Protein backbone atom coordinates (compact mmCIF):
# COMPACT_ATOMS: atom_id res chain seq x y z
CA MET A 1 -56.76 12.21 17.67
CA LYS A 2 -54.46 10.48 19.82
CA PRO A 3 -51.93 8.62 17.66
CA THR A 4 -52.67 4.32 16.95
CA PRO A 5 -49.45 2.37 18.58
CA LEU A 6 -48.30 1.45 14.73
CA ALA A 7 -48.18 5.30 14.16
CA ALA A 8 -46.51 6.20 16.65
CA LEU A 9 -44.02 2.60 16.42
CA ALA A 10 -43.28 4.35 12.16
CA ALA A 11 -42.77 7.92 13.55
CA VAL A 12 -39.89 6.49 15.54
CA LEU A 13 -38.40 4.03 13.01
CA ILE A 14 -38.51 7.24 10.55
CA SER A 15 -36.97 9.29 12.93
CA SER A 16 -34.55 6.75 14.13
CA THR A 17 -33.57 6.32 10.34
CA SER A 18 -33.24 9.94 9.58
CA ALA A 19 -30.91 10.30 12.82
CA LEU A 20 -28.90 6.98 11.50
CA ALA A 21 -28.97 8.38 8.24
CA GLY A 22 -26.97 11.54 8.99
CA PRO A 23 -26.21 14.56 6.79
CA SER A 24 -27.43 13.63 3.15
CA VAL A 25 -25.18 14.36 0.02
CA SER A 26 -25.90 15.55 -3.26
CA TYR A 27 -24.69 15.16 -6.51
CA GLY A 28 -24.48 17.91 -9.22
CA SER A 29 -21.90 18.94 -12.04
CA VAL A 30 -21.08 22.56 -13.34
CA ASP A 31 -20.36 23.63 -16.79
CA VAL A 32 -16.86 25.42 -17.23
CA GLY A 33 -15.68 25.86 -20.64
CA ASP A 34 -15.41 22.72 -22.43
CA VAL A 35 -15.94 20.64 -19.46
CA SER A 36 -18.67 19.41 -16.73
CA VAL A 37 -17.40 19.26 -13.69
CA PHE A 38 -19.25 16.60 -10.96
CA TYR A 39 -19.26 17.08 -7.27
CA ARG A 40 -20.83 16.08 -4.47
CA GLU A 41 -22.19 18.56 -1.41
CA ALA A 42 -23.57 18.29 1.71
CA GLY A 43 -24.09 20.60 4.61
CA PRO A 44 -25.92 24.04 5.22
CA LYS A 45 -25.57 26.28 2.50
CA ASP A 46 -24.62 28.87 4.78
CA ALA A 47 -22.09 27.74 6.99
CA PRO A 48 -18.22 27.86 6.18
CA THR A 49 -17.58 26.26 3.52
CA LEU A 50 -14.77 23.03 3.19
CA LEU A 51 -13.48 22.42 -0.24
CA LEU A 52 -12.19 18.87 -0.46
CA LEU A 53 -9.38 18.57 -3.31
CA HIS A 54 -8.55 14.87 -4.37
CA GLY A 55 -5.28 12.94 -5.26
CA PHE A 56 -4.41 10.69 -7.85
CA PRO A 57 -5.91 8.33 -9.37
CA SER A 58 -8.66 9.19 -6.94
CA SER A 59 -12.02 11.84 -7.23
CA SER A 60 -14.18 13.11 -4.89
CA HIS A 61 -15.08 9.28 -4.02
CA MET A 62 -12.02 9.25 -1.52
CA PHE A 63 -14.13 11.76 0.88
CA ARG A 64 -16.97 9.46 0.93
CA ASP A 65 -16.36 8.90 4.34
CA LEU A 66 -15.28 12.09 5.47
CA ILE A 67 -18.09 14.27 4.23
CA PRO A 68 -20.69 12.90 6.89
CA GLU A 69 -17.78 13.69 9.61
CA LEU A 70 -17.61 17.16 8.48
CA ALA A 71 -21.45 18.01 6.96
CA GLU A 72 -23.21 18.34 10.37
CA ASP A 73 -22.01 21.97 10.55
CA TYR A 74 -20.21 22.91 7.57
CA ARG A 75 -20.80 23.39 3.84
CA VAL A 76 -18.92 20.64 2.03
CA ILE A 77 -18.02 20.79 -1.60
CA ALA A 78 -15.65 17.91 -3.14
CA PRO A 79 -15.08 18.28 -7.29
CA ASP A 80 -13.93 15.71 -9.51
CA TYR A 81 -11.24 17.34 -11.57
CA PRO A 82 -11.51 16.92 -15.46
CA GLY A 83 -10.30 13.61 -16.68
CA PHE A 84 -11.07 11.91 -13.08
CA GLY A 85 -14.67 10.29 -11.54
CA GLN A 86 -17.59 11.52 -13.12
CA SER A 87 -16.21 14.73 -14.42
CA SER A 88 -15.94 15.01 -18.32
CA ALA A 89 -13.08 14.01 -19.78
CA PRO A 90 -12.61 15.50 -23.44
CA ASP A 91 -9.85 13.91 -25.69
CA ALA A 92 -6.09 15.08 -24.38
CA ALA A 93 -5.09 16.38 -27.63
CA ALA A 94 -8.14 18.67 -27.33
CA TYR A 95 -7.99 20.18 -23.73
CA ASP A 96 -5.25 21.46 -21.80
CA TYR A 97 -4.84 19.05 -18.93
CA ASP A 98 -2.28 21.08 -16.81
CA PHE A 99 -2.39 22.32 -13.23
CA ALA A 100 -3.08 25.81 -13.95
CA THR A 101 -6.22 25.20 -15.86
CA LEU A 102 -7.34 22.80 -13.63
CA SER A 103 -7.10 25.20 -10.82
CA ALA A 104 -8.84 27.88 -13.00
CA THR A 105 -11.30 25.47 -13.36
CA ILE A 106 -12.26 24.61 -9.89
CA ALA A 107 -12.13 28.89 -8.99
CA ASP A 108 -14.61 28.58 -11.72
CA VAL A 109 -16.58 25.90 -9.80
CA THR A 110 -16.82 27.94 -6.43
CA GLU A 111 -18.02 30.92 -8.27
CA ALA A 112 -20.72 29.12 -9.72
CA LEU A 113 -21.58 27.24 -6.64
CA ASP A 114 -21.54 30.78 -4.95
CA ILE A 115 -18.60 30.33 -2.49
CA SER A 116 -16.99 33.29 -1.40
CA SER A 117 -14.57 31.55 0.75
CA TYR A 118 -13.28 28.31 2.02
CA THR A 119 -11.16 26.28 4.12
CA LEU A 120 -8.95 23.84 1.84
CA PHE A 121 -8.49 20.35 2.44
CA MET A 122 -5.66 19.20 -0.17
CA GLN A 123 -4.29 15.53 -0.77
CA ASP A 124 -1.73 14.82 -3.24
CA PHE A 125 -2.82 16.29 -6.70
CA GLY A 126 -4.94 18.76 -4.31
CA GLY A 127 -2.02 20.51 -2.80
CA PRO A 128 -0.88 22.14 -6.69
CA VAL A 129 -4.89 23.06 -7.03
CA GLY A 130 -5.26 24.41 -3.71
CA PHE A 131 -1.81 26.41 -3.52
CA ARG A 132 -2.71 28.00 -6.78
CA LEU A 133 -6.35 29.13 -5.59
CA ALA A 134 -4.40 30.27 -2.27
CA LEU A 135 -2.26 32.20 -4.42
CA ALA A 136 -4.66 33.80 -7.06
CA ASP A 137 -6.49 35.32 -3.92
CA PRO A 138 -5.38 35.00 -0.59
CA SER A 139 -8.83 36.42 0.79
CA LYS A 140 -11.14 33.59 0.23
CA VAL A 141 -8.67 31.35 2.23
CA ASP A 142 -9.65 30.65 5.90
CA GLY A 143 -7.75 28.26 6.56
CA ILE A 144 -5.82 25.22 5.22
CA ILE A 145 -5.35 21.51 5.57
CA ILE A 146 -2.86 19.16 4.38
CA GLN A 147 -2.80 15.66 3.83
CA ASN A 148 0.15 14.16 2.44
CA ALA A 149 0.43 16.90 -0.10
CA THR A 150 4.23 17.99 -0.40
CA ILE A 151 5.52 21.24 -1.19
CA HIS A 152 9.02 20.63 -0.62
CA ALA A 153 11.76 18.28 -2.63
CA GLU A 154 12.82 16.87 0.37
CA GLY A 155 9.16 15.75 0.86
CA TRP A 156 9.05 13.82 -1.91
CA ASN A 157 10.61 9.34 -1.87
CA PRO A 158 13.76 9.62 -3.57
CA ASP A 159 12.87 6.17 -5.58
CA ILE A 160 9.52 8.27 -6.95
CA VAL A 161 11.51 11.25 -8.25
CA SER A 162 13.82 9.09 -9.84
CA GLN A 163 10.81 7.83 -12.13
CA PHE A 164 9.85 11.53 -13.21
CA VAL A 165 12.92 13.03 -13.88
CA PRO A 166 14.15 11.31 -16.93
CA PHE A 167 10.59 12.04 -17.94
CA TRP A 168 10.43 15.35 -17.25
CA GLN A 169 14.05 15.81 -19.09
CA GLY A 170 12.85 14.33 -22.04
CA ARG A 171 9.51 13.15 -22.75
CA ASN A 172 9.65 9.61 -25.18
CA LEU A 173 8.12 6.24 -25.09
CA ASP A 174 11.17 5.27 -23.01
CA THR A 175 11.11 7.83 -20.30
CA GLU A 176 7.16 7.52 -20.68
CA ALA A 177 7.02 3.90 -19.43
CA PRO A 178 7.51 4.73 -15.95
CA LEU A 179 4.65 6.32 -15.35
CA ARG A 180 2.63 4.36 -17.46
CA ALA A 181 3.00 1.89 -14.64
CA PHE A 182 1.01 4.05 -12.24
CA PHE A 183 -1.93 2.95 -14.38
CA ALA A 184 -1.96 -0.38 -13.77
CA ALA A 185 -4.27 -2.04 -11.46
CA GLU A 186 -2.03 -3.62 -9.01
CA THR A 187 -0.38 -0.02 -8.61
CA THR A 188 -3.68 1.38 -7.88
CA GLN A 189 -4.18 -1.20 -5.12
CA TRP A 190 -0.74 -0.65 -3.79
CA GLN A 191 -1.34 3.16 -3.50
CA TYR A 192 -4.37 1.90 -0.91
CA THR A 193 -2.48 -0.57 0.70
CA GLN A 194 1.22 0.47 1.22
CA GLY A 195 1.94 1.74 4.53
CA ALA A 196 -1.71 1.22 5.64
CA SER A 197 -2.41 -0.13 9.49
CA LEU A 198 -5.49 -1.17 9.72
CA THR A 199 -5.91 -3.00 6.61
CA ASP A 200 -9.33 -4.44 7.84
CA ARG A 201 -11.38 -1.00 7.31
CA ILE A 202 -9.97 -0.14 3.88
CA ASN A 203 -12.93 -1.05 1.30
CA PRO A 204 -11.51 -2.51 -1.98
CA ASP A 205 -14.43 -0.45 -3.97
CA ALA A 206 -11.65 2.58 -3.60
CA TRP A 207 -9.52 1.14 -5.92
CA VAL A 208 -11.90 -0.51 -7.52
CA SER A 209 -13.41 3.30 -8.33
CA ASP A 210 -10.04 4.60 -9.29
CA GLN A 211 -9.15 1.90 -11.49
CA ALA A 212 -12.38 2.30 -13.64
CA GLY A 213 -11.46 6.12 -14.29
CA LEU A 214 -7.71 4.81 -15.44
CA ASP A 215 -8.96 2.38 -17.46
CA ARG A 216 -11.27 4.65 -19.58
CA PRO A 217 -10.51 4.73 -23.22
CA GLY A 218 -7.99 7.46 -23.76
CA ASN A 219 -7.52 8.38 -20.29
CA HIS A 220 -3.97 7.24 -20.15
CA ALA A 221 -2.90 10.22 -22.23
CA ILE A 222 -4.55 12.49 -20.09
CA GLN A 223 -3.15 11.09 -17.29
CA LEU A 224 0.28 11.66 -18.91
CA GLU A 225 -0.33 15.09 -19.56
CA TYR A 226 -1.05 16.08 -15.68
CA LEU A 227 2.31 13.96 -14.89
CA TRP A 228 3.92 15.74 -17.63
CA ASP A 229 2.91 19.18 -16.39
CA TYR A 230 3.59 18.36 -12.41
CA GLN A 231 6.94 19.60 -12.98
CA ASP A 232 5.20 22.99 -13.02
CA ASN A 233 4.45 22.47 -9.25
CA VAL A 234 8.04 21.96 -8.23
CA ALA A 235 8.74 24.79 -9.77
CA GLN A 236 6.16 26.57 -8.24
CA TYR A 237 7.30 25.45 -5.13
CA PRO A 238 9.28 28.26 -3.74
CA ALA A 239 6.22 30.68 -4.32
CA TRP A 240 3.97 28.28 -2.66
CA GLN A 241 6.16 28.49 0.51
CA ALA A 242 6.78 31.82 0.25
CA TYR A 243 2.70 32.45 1.01
CA LEU A 244 2.81 30.22 4.17
CA LYS A 245 5.74 32.25 5.02
CA GLU A 246 4.51 35.31 4.54
CA HIS A 247 0.55 34.99 5.13
CA GLN A 248 0.53 32.13 8.19
CA PRO A 249 -2.77 30.79 7.53
CA ASP A 250 -4.32 28.61 10.18
CA THR A 251 -3.11 25.04 8.98
CA LEU A 252 -3.77 21.52 10.12
CA ILE A 253 -1.55 18.75 9.02
CA VAL A 254 -3.20 14.97 9.13
CA TRP A 255 -0.60 12.99 7.32
CA GLY A 256 -0.38 9.27 6.84
CA GLN A 257 3.27 8.89 8.13
CA ASN A 258 4.32 5.53 6.30
CA ASP A 259 3.48 7.31 2.47
CA PRO A 260 5.42 6.02 -0.04
CA PHE A 261 5.42 8.86 -1.88
CA PHE A 262 5.41 11.91 0.47
CA LEU A 263 7.60 11.83 3.48
CA THR A 264 7.23 12.82 6.90
CA GLU A 265 10.16 15.57 5.64
CA GLY A 266 7.58 17.15 4.04
CA VAL A 267 5.82 17.94 7.28
CA ASP A 268 8.91 18.96 9.03
CA ALA A 269 9.40 21.46 6.36
CA LEU A 270 5.83 22.74 6.71
CA LYS A 271 5.74 23.17 10.14
CA ALA A 272 9.02 25.49 9.87
CA LEU A 273 7.28 27.76 7.42
CA VAL A 274 3.85 27.57 9.55
CA PRO A 275 5.43 27.05 12.96
CA ALA A 276 2.03 27.47 14.66
CA ALA A 277 0.48 24.80 12.65
CA ASP A 278 -1.35 21.74 13.83
CA VAL A 279 0.27 18.31 13.10
CA HIS A 280 -1.45 14.98 13.40
CA LEU A 281 0.60 11.65 12.19
CA PHE A 282 -1.35 8.83 11.49
CA ASP A 283 -0.49 5.06 11.41
CA ALA A 284 -1.59 4.90 7.99
CA GLY A 285 -0.30 5.10 3.69
CA HIS A 286 -0.61 7.71 1.33
CA PHE A 287 -4.69 7.46 1.34
CA ALA A 288 -5.11 8.02 5.37
CA LEU A 289 -8.76 8.82 5.06
CA GLU A 290 -9.51 4.75 3.99
CA THR A 291 -8.30 3.73 7.41
CA HIS A 292 -8.75 7.07 9.25
CA ALA A 293 -11.54 8.87 8.56
CA GLN A 294 -12.79 9.34 11.92
CA GLU A 295 -9.70 10.45 13.46
CA ILE A 296 -9.08 12.60 10.50
CA GLY A 297 -12.53 13.95 11.29
CA ASP A 298 -12.19 14.84 14.68
CA ALA A 299 -9.07 16.87 14.08
CA VAL A 300 -10.65 18.62 11.15
CA LEU A 301 -13.99 19.66 13.37
CA THR A 302 -11.79 20.51 16.43
CA PHE A 303 -9.57 22.87 13.81
CA MET A 304 -12.63 24.16 12.09
CA ALA A 305 -14.00 25.64 15.55
CA ARG A 306 -10.76 27.54 16.21
């Protein structure tokens, strides 16, 4: 039977809508010990996997624009850390909010999702998580993508370091005070806007979502535990540098060059360790994906195609 004009039009509209929608994103959670870890997933399950590791104070929400760019050809997994986003957040007195525990938790998530290998995409907090995963089992790492996540002391803005050092040297109410300022709504917005170009592309949902997480009862105590333990990340820098120098993984660096936290000196130091690294600097701030998701996505796709 020949389709009616109305049926033919409906078929075209459905086909067009599907094409415009792009890869669908699914949402799930994995129970690991005492926590439930939320994750976003898209792309073919039998394709090479990209593991997207978010920064502070964000969540997998920061990858909402990048995931569709990558998911046509790759399996993309973006988890929320415990205490962030949609993952559970046990009381800080009852759970170890440190980066060693966090990295082990994400490793368990990859096992639960049957991910045998992955390319790591690491931003901010994602660096300490991802490099711990790489050291734990280098054979699982297909490649490394670093976005504004330093593993060198010279990569830090000295003005930021000066707020952390007294806290790490002696934790008390006075030394905690500068760190607590990072939980304020105006500071969260500043993290997205400082150094950013193309500000008309920045979706306010980004900092509104982050702030909603920070403002949950008990979350400041959780974040202070992570920030206290961050000193162990600095102590691990030599080991992570040695990993890059020894293994020479395929490496892509996509960096907001106006980042108020992590300076481009950190990029130079990474390039010295992995001379073959592909480097792309963007006229952007700490959360470069907010303004340059398509450009970063294009760089990632070119890198992955190698």
